[in-house]
Amino acid sequence: MGAATSQPTRRAVWNIAARQHDRVTHAQLRALGLGDKAIRHRVKRGSLIPVAREIYAISRPRGTPEERWMEDALRCGDQAAVGDVSAAVFGADPARLGATS
């Protein structure tokens, strides 16, 4: 994030992404005070990487299955979660996902 982004905002974006397998939504960025122009600028600069409609990666594009599942959950909205049985079916450790029963 650039010089125009305050340190607390930058830290808040990283904190959200850390809980969401390196993913953050457009709505979350807006809630932190970033406008559409600032978000577009970060996409153009490469500090936000579009991975799905209104979902961005912070450090790298598609990678692990957990990152892809987080994208799917984020697309479904704030109340979505990946269940531990679903995660186990696909070979993931539910604890790594923060999955719920």
N, C-alpha and C. Protein backbone atom coordinates (compact mmCIF):
# COMPACT_ATOMS: atom_id res chain seq x y z
N MET A 1 0.84 -1.15 0.00
CA MET A 1 0.00 0.00 0.00
C MET A 1 0.89 1.23 0.00
N GLY A 2 0.51 2.26 -0.66
CA GLY A 2 1.37 3.39 -0.92
C GLY A 2 1.51 4.35 0.23
N ALA A 3 2.26 5.42 -0.02
CA ALA A 3 2.52 6.41 1.00
C ALA A 3 1.24 7.11 1.43
N ALA A 4 0.24 7.19 0.55
CA ALA A 4 -1.01 7.87 0.87
C ALA A 4 -1.87 7.05 1.82
N THR A 5 -1.58 5.78 1.99
CA THR A 5 -2.34 4.92 2.88
C THR A 5 -1.73 5.02 4.27
N SER A 6 -2.57 5.30 5.26
CA SER A 6 -2.05 5.41 6.61
C SER A 6 -1.56 4.05 7.11
N GLN A 7 -0.62 4.09 8.02
CA GLN A 7 -0.08 2.86 8.59
C GLN A 7 -1.19 2.04 9.26
N PRO A 8 -2.11 2.66 10.04
CA PRO A 8 -3.20 1.86 10.63
C PRO A 8 -4.08 1.20 9.58
N THR A 9 -4.36 1.87 8.45
CA THR A 9 -5.17 1.27 7.40
C THR A 9 -4.44 0.10 6.77
N ARG A 10 -3.17 0.28 6.47
CA ARG A 10 -2.36 -0.79 5.88
C ARG A 10 -2.34 -2.00 6.81
N ARG A 11 -2.14 -1.75 8.09
CA ARG A 11 -2.10 -2.82 9.08
C ARG A 11 -3.46 -3.52 9.17
N ALA A 12 -4.54 -2.75 9.11
CA ALA A 12 -5.88 -3.33 9.18
C ALA A 12 -6.16 -4.23 7.98
N VAL A 13 -5.72 -3.82 6.79
CA VAL A 13 -5.89 -4.65 5.59
C VAL A 13 -5.13 -5.96 5.76
N TRP A 14 -3.89 -5.88 6.22
CA TRP A 14 -3.08 -7.09 6.42
C TRP A 14 -3.69 -7.99 7.48
N ASN A 15 -4.25 -7.40 8.54
CA ASN A 15 -4.87 -8.21 9.60
C ASN A 15 -6.08 -8.98 9.07
N ILE A 16 -6.90 -8.34 8.26
CA ILE A 16 -8.05 -9.03 7.66
C ILE A 16 -7.56 -10.15 6.74
N ALA A 17 -6.60 -9.83 5.88
CA ALA A 17 -6.08 -10.81 4.94
C ALA A 17 -5.46 -12.00 5.67
N ALA A 18 -4.79 -11.75 6.77
CA ALA A 18 -4.16 -12.83 7.53
C ALA A 18 -5.20 -13.82 8.06
N ARG A 19 -6.37 -13.33 8.42
CA ARG A 19 -7.44 -14.21 8.92
C ARG A 19 -8.17 -14.91 7.79
N GLN A 20 -7.98 -14.45 6.56
CA GLN A 20 -8.74 -14.95 5.41
C GLN A 20 -7.83 -15.52 4.33
N HIS A 21 -6.78 -16.16 4.72
CA HIS A 21 -5.87 -16.82 3.77
C HIS A 21 -5.42 -15.87 2.66
N ASP A 22 -4.97 -14.68 3.06
CA ASP A 22 -4.40 -13.71 2.12
C ASP A 22 -5.44 -13.06 1.21
N ARG A 23 -6.71 -13.12 1.57
CA ARG A 23 -7.78 -12.57 0.73
C ARG A 23 -8.52 -11.47 1.46
N VAL A 24 -8.99 -10.49 0.71
CA VAL A 24 -9.77 -9.37 1.24
C VAL A 24 -10.79 -8.97 0.18
N THR A 25 -11.96 -8.54 0.63
CA THR A 25 -13.01 -8.16 -0.33
C THR A 25 -13.01 -6.66 -0.57
N HIS A 26 -13.63 -6.28 -1.68
CA HIS A 26 -13.80 -4.87 -2.01
C HIS A 26 -14.55 -4.17 -0.88
N ALA A 27 -15.61 -4.80 -0.39
CA ALA A 27 -16.41 -4.20 0.69
C ALA A 27 -15.57 -3.99 1.95
N GLN A 28 -14.69 -4.93 2.27
CA GLN A 28 -13.84 -4.78 3.44
C GLN A 28 -12.87 -3.62 3.26
N LEU A 29 -12.32 -3.48 2.06
CA LEU A 29 -11.42 -2.36 1.79
C LEU A 29 -12.15 -1.03 1.91
N ARG A 30 -13.38 -0.97 1.39
CA ARG A 30 -14.19 0.24 1.50
C ARG A 30 -14.50 0.56 2.96
N ALA A 31 -14.80 -0.47 3.74
CA ALA A 31 -15.10 -0.26 5.17
C ALA A 31 -13.89 0.29 5.92
N LEU A 32 -12.70 0.03 5.42
CA LEU A 32 -11.48 0.55 6.03
C LEU A 32 -11.14 1.96 5.56
N GLY A 33 -11.97 2.49 4.65
CA GLY A 33 -11.77 3.86 4.20
C GLY A 33 -11.12 4.02 2.84
N LEU A 34 -10.82 2.92 2.15
CA LEU A 34 -10.24 3.03 0.81
C LEU A 34 -11.36 3.25 -0.20
N GLY A 35 -11.21 4.23 -1.05
CA GLY A 35 -12.18 4.49 -2.10
C GLY A 35 -11.91 3.65 -3.33
N ASP A 36 -12.86 3.66 -4.25
CA ASP A 36 -12.70 2.89 -5.49
C ASP A 36 -11.44 3.29 -6.25
N LYS A 37 -11.15 4.59 -6.30
CA LYS A 37 -9.97 5.06 -7.01
C LYS A 37 -8.69 4.51 -6.36
N ALA A 38 -8.64 4.51 -5.04
CA ALA A 38 -7.48 3.99 -4.32
C ALA A 38 -7.33 2.48 -4.55
N ILE A 39 -8.45 1.78 -4.59
CA ILE A 39 -8.41 0.34 -4.83
C ILE A 39 -7.91 0.06 -6.25
N ARG A 40 -8.44 0.80 -7.24
CA ARG A 40 -7.98 0.63 -8.63
C ARG A 40 -6.49 0.92 -8.75
N HIS A 41 -6.02 1.94 -8.06
CA HIS A 41 -4.60 2.29 -8.09
C HIS A 41 -3.75 1.14 -7.56
N ARG A 42 -4.18 0.52 -6.47
CA ARG A 42 -3.43 -0.60 -5.88
C ARG A 42 -3.46 -1.84 -6.78
N VAL A 43 -4.56 -2.01 -7.49
CA VAL A 43 -4.62 -3.11 -8.46
C VAL A 43 -3.63 -2.85 -9.58
N LYS A 44 -3.64 -1.64 -10.11
CA LYS A 44 -2.73 -1.29 -11.21
C LYS A 44 -1.26 -1.42 -10.76
N ARG A 45 -0.98 -1.05 -9.53
CA ARG A 45 0.38 -1.12 -9.00
C ARG A 45 0.80 -2.54 -8.61
N GLY A 46 -0.19 -3.42 -8.41
CA GLY A 46 0.12 -4.80 -8.09
C GLY A 46 0.08 -5.13 -6.61
N SER A 47 -0.28 -4.19 -5.76
CA SER A 47 -0.35 -4.51 -4.33
C SER A 47 -1.67 -5.17 -3.94
N LEU A 48 -2.66 -5.09 -4.83
CA LEU A 48 -3.89 -5.89 -4.71
C LEU A 48 -4.01 -6.68 -6.01
N ILE A 49 -4.22 -7.97 -5.90
CA ILE A 49 -4.29 -8.84 -7.08
C ILE A 49 -5.71 -9.39 -7.19
N PRO A 50 -6.46 -9.00 -8.23
CA PRO A 50 -7.82 -9.54 -8.37
C PRO A 50 -7.77 -11.05 -8.59
N VAL A 51 -8.53 -11.79 -7.78
CA VAL A 51 -8.60 -13.24 -7.92
C VAL A 51 -10.02 -13.71 -8.21
N ALA A 52 -10.98 -12.85 -7.97
CA ALA A 52 -12.40 -13.11 -8.25
C ALA A 52 -13.09 -11.75 -8.24
N ARG A 53 -14.33 -11.73 -8.65
CA ARG A 53 -15.06 -10.45 -8.66
C ARG A 53 -15.08 -9.86 -7.25
N GLU A 54 -14.47 -8.69 -7.11
CA GLU A 54 -14.40 -7.93 -5.87
C GLU A 54 -13.69 -8.67 -4.72
N ILE A 55 -12.79 -9.59 -5.08
CA ILE A 55 -11.95 -10.28 -4.09
C ILE A 55 -10.50 -10.15 -4.56
N TYR A 56 -9.65 -9.77 -3.62
CA TYR A 56 -8.25 -9.52 -3.94
C TYR A 56 -7.33 -10.35 -3.07
N ALA A 57 -6.21 -10.73 -3.64
CA ALA A 57 -5.12 -11.32 -2.89
C ALA A 57 -4.18 -10.19 -2.50
N ILE A 58 -3.53 -10.35 -1.38
CA ILE A 58 -2.60 -9.33 -0.92
C ILE A 58 -1.18 -9.61 -1.40
N SER A 59 -0.77 -10.87 -1.43
CA SER A 59 0.62 -11.14 -1.77
C SER A 59 0.83 -11.99 -3.01
N ARG A 60 -0.16 -12.80 -3.39
CA ARG A 60 0.04 -13.63 -4.58
C ARG A 60 -1.32 -14.07 -5.10
N PRO A 61 -1.41 -14.36 -6.39
CA PRO A 61 -2.68 -14.85 -6.93
C PRO A 61 -2.94 -16.29 -6.48
N ARG A 62 -3.94 -16.90 -7.04
CA ARG A 62 -4.36 -18.25 -6.65
C ARG A 62 -3.19 -19.15 -6.29
N GLY A 63 -3.39 -19.84 -5.20
CA GLY A 63 -2.34 -20.72 -4.74
C GLY A 63 -2.91 -21.98 -4.13
N THR A 64 -3.03 -22.01 -2.83
CA THR A 64 -3.42 -23.22 -2.11
C THR A 64 -4.92 -23.48 -2.23
N PRO A 65 -5.33 -24.72 -1.98
CA PRO A 65 -6.77 -25.00 -1.94
C PRO A 65 -7.48 -24.16 -0.89
N GLU A 66 -6.83 -23.93 0.26
CA GLU A 66 -7.46 -23.12 1.31
C GLU A 66 -7.73 -21.70 0.82
N GLU A 67 -6.83 -21.14 0.04
CA GLU A 67 -7.05 -19.80 -0.51
C GLU A 67 -8.23 -19.79 -1.47
N ARG A 68 -8.33 -20.80 -2.30
CA ARG A 68 -9.46 -20.87 -3.24
C ARG A 68 -10.78 -21.07 -2.50
N TRP A 69 -10.77 -21.89 -1.45
CA TRP A 69 -12.00 -22.10 -0.68
C TRP A 69 -12.40 -20.81 0.04
N MET A 70 -11.42 -20.05 0.52
CA MET A 70 -11.73 -18.78 1.16
C MET A 70 -12.37 -17.83 0.15
N GLU A 71 -11.86 -17.81 -1.08
CA GLU A 71 -12.48 -16.99 -2.13
C GLU A 71 -13.94 -17.38 -2.32
N ASP A 72 -14.20 -18.68 -2.37
CA ASP A 72 -15.58 -19.15 -2.53
C ASP A 72 -16.45 -18.71 -1.37
N ALA A 73 -15.94 -18.84 -0.16
CA ALA A 73 -16.72 -18.44 1.02
C ALA A 73 -16.96 -16.93 1.01
N LEU A 74 -15.94 -16.13 0.65
CA LEU A 74 -16.11 -14.68 0.60
C LEU A 74 -17.13 -14.27 -0.46
N ARG A 75 -17.17 -14.99 -1.58
CA ARG A 75 -18.16 -14.70 -2.62
C ARG A 75 -19.58 -14.92 -2.11
N CYS A 76 -19.74 -15.85 -1.17
CA CYS A 76 -21.07 -16.18 -0.64
C CYS A 76 -21.56 -15.20 0.42
N GLY A 77 -20.70 -14.35 0.92
CA GLY A 77 -21.13 -13.33 1.88
C GLY A 77 -20.57 -13.51 3.27
N ASP A 78 -20.91 -12.56 4.14
CA ASP A 78 -20.34 -12.49 5.48
C ASP A 78 -20.64 -13.69 6.36
N GLN A 79 -21.75 -14.35 6.15
CA GLN A 79 -22.13 -15.45 7.03
C GLN A 79 -21.66 -16.82 6.52
N ALA A 80 -20.97 -16.86 5.39
CA ALA A 80 -20.53 -18.13 4.80
C ALA A 80 -19.33 -18.70 5.57
N ALA A 81 -19.23 -20.01 5.55
CA ALA A 81 -18.10 -20.70 6.17
C ALA A 81 -17.88 -22.02 5.46
N VAL A 82 -16.66 -22.51 5.52
CA VAL A 82 -16.34 -23.84 5.01
C VAL A 82 -16.42 -24.79 6.20
N GLY A 83 -17.27 -25.79 6.10
CA GLY A 83 -17.45 -26.74 7.19
C GLY A 83 -16.31 -27.73 7.27
N ASP A 84 -16.11 -28.29 8.46
CA ASP A 84 -15.00 -29.22 8.64
C ASP A 84 -15.17 -30.49 7.82
N VAL A 85 -16.40 -30.96 7.64
CA VAL A 85 -16.62 -32.16 6.82
C VAL A 85 -16.29 -31.86 5.36
N SER A 86 -16.76 -30.71 4.86
CA SER A 86 -16.45 -30.32 3.48
C SER A 86 -14.95 -30.21 3.28
N ALA A 87 -14.28 -29.61 4.22
CA ALA A 87 -12.83 -29.45 4.11
C ALA A 87 -12.14 -30.81 4.10
N ALA A 88 -12.58 -31.70 4.98
CA ALA A 88 -11.96 -33.02 5.06
C ALA A 88 -12.17 -33.83 3.79
N VAL A 89 -13.34 -33.68 3.17
CA VAL A 89 -13.62 -34.40 1.92
C VAL A 89 -12.59 -34.04 0.86
N PHE A 90 -12.16 -32.78 0.85
CA PHE A 90 -11.21 -32.33 -0.15
C PHE A 90 -9.76 -32.43 0.33
N GLY A 91 -9.56 -33.10 1.45
CA GLY A 91 -8.21 -33.36 1.91
C GLY A 91 -7.56 -32.24 2.69
N ALA A 92 -8.34 -31.27 3.12
CA ALA A 92 -7.76 -30.17 3.89
C ALA A 92 -7.86 -30.45 5.37
N ASP A 93 -6.96 -29.86 6.10
CA ASP A 93 -7.03 -29.92 7.57
C ASP A 93 -7.99 -28.83 8.00
N PRO A 94 -9.16 -29.18 8.54
CA PRO A 94 -10.15 -28.17 8.94
C PRO A 94 -9.59 -27.12 9.88
N ALA A 95 -8.64 -27.48 10.73
CA ALA A 95 -8.06 -26.51 11.66
C ALA A 95 -7.31 -25.41 10.92
N ARG A 96 -6.68 -25.75 9.80
CA ARG A 96 -5.95 -24.75 9.01
C ARG A 96 -6.88 -23.76 8.34
N LEU A 97 -8.11 -24.20 8.08
CA LEU A 97 -9.08 -23.33 7.42
C LEU A 97 -9.82 -22.42 8.37
N GLY A 98 -9.79 -22.74 9.64
CA GLY A 98 -10.66 -22.03 10.56
C GLY A 98 -12.10 -22.49 10.33
N ALA A 99 -12.25 -23.74 9.90
CA ALA A 99 -13.56 -24.28 9.53
C ALA A 99 -14.43 -24.47 10.76
N THR A 100 -15.72 -24.49 10.50
CA THR A 100 -16.69 -24.69 11.57
C THR A 100 -17.42 -26.00 11.39
N SER A 101 -18.00 -26.49 12.45
CA SER A 101 -18.79 -27.73 12.37
C SER A 101 -20.20 -27.43 11.94
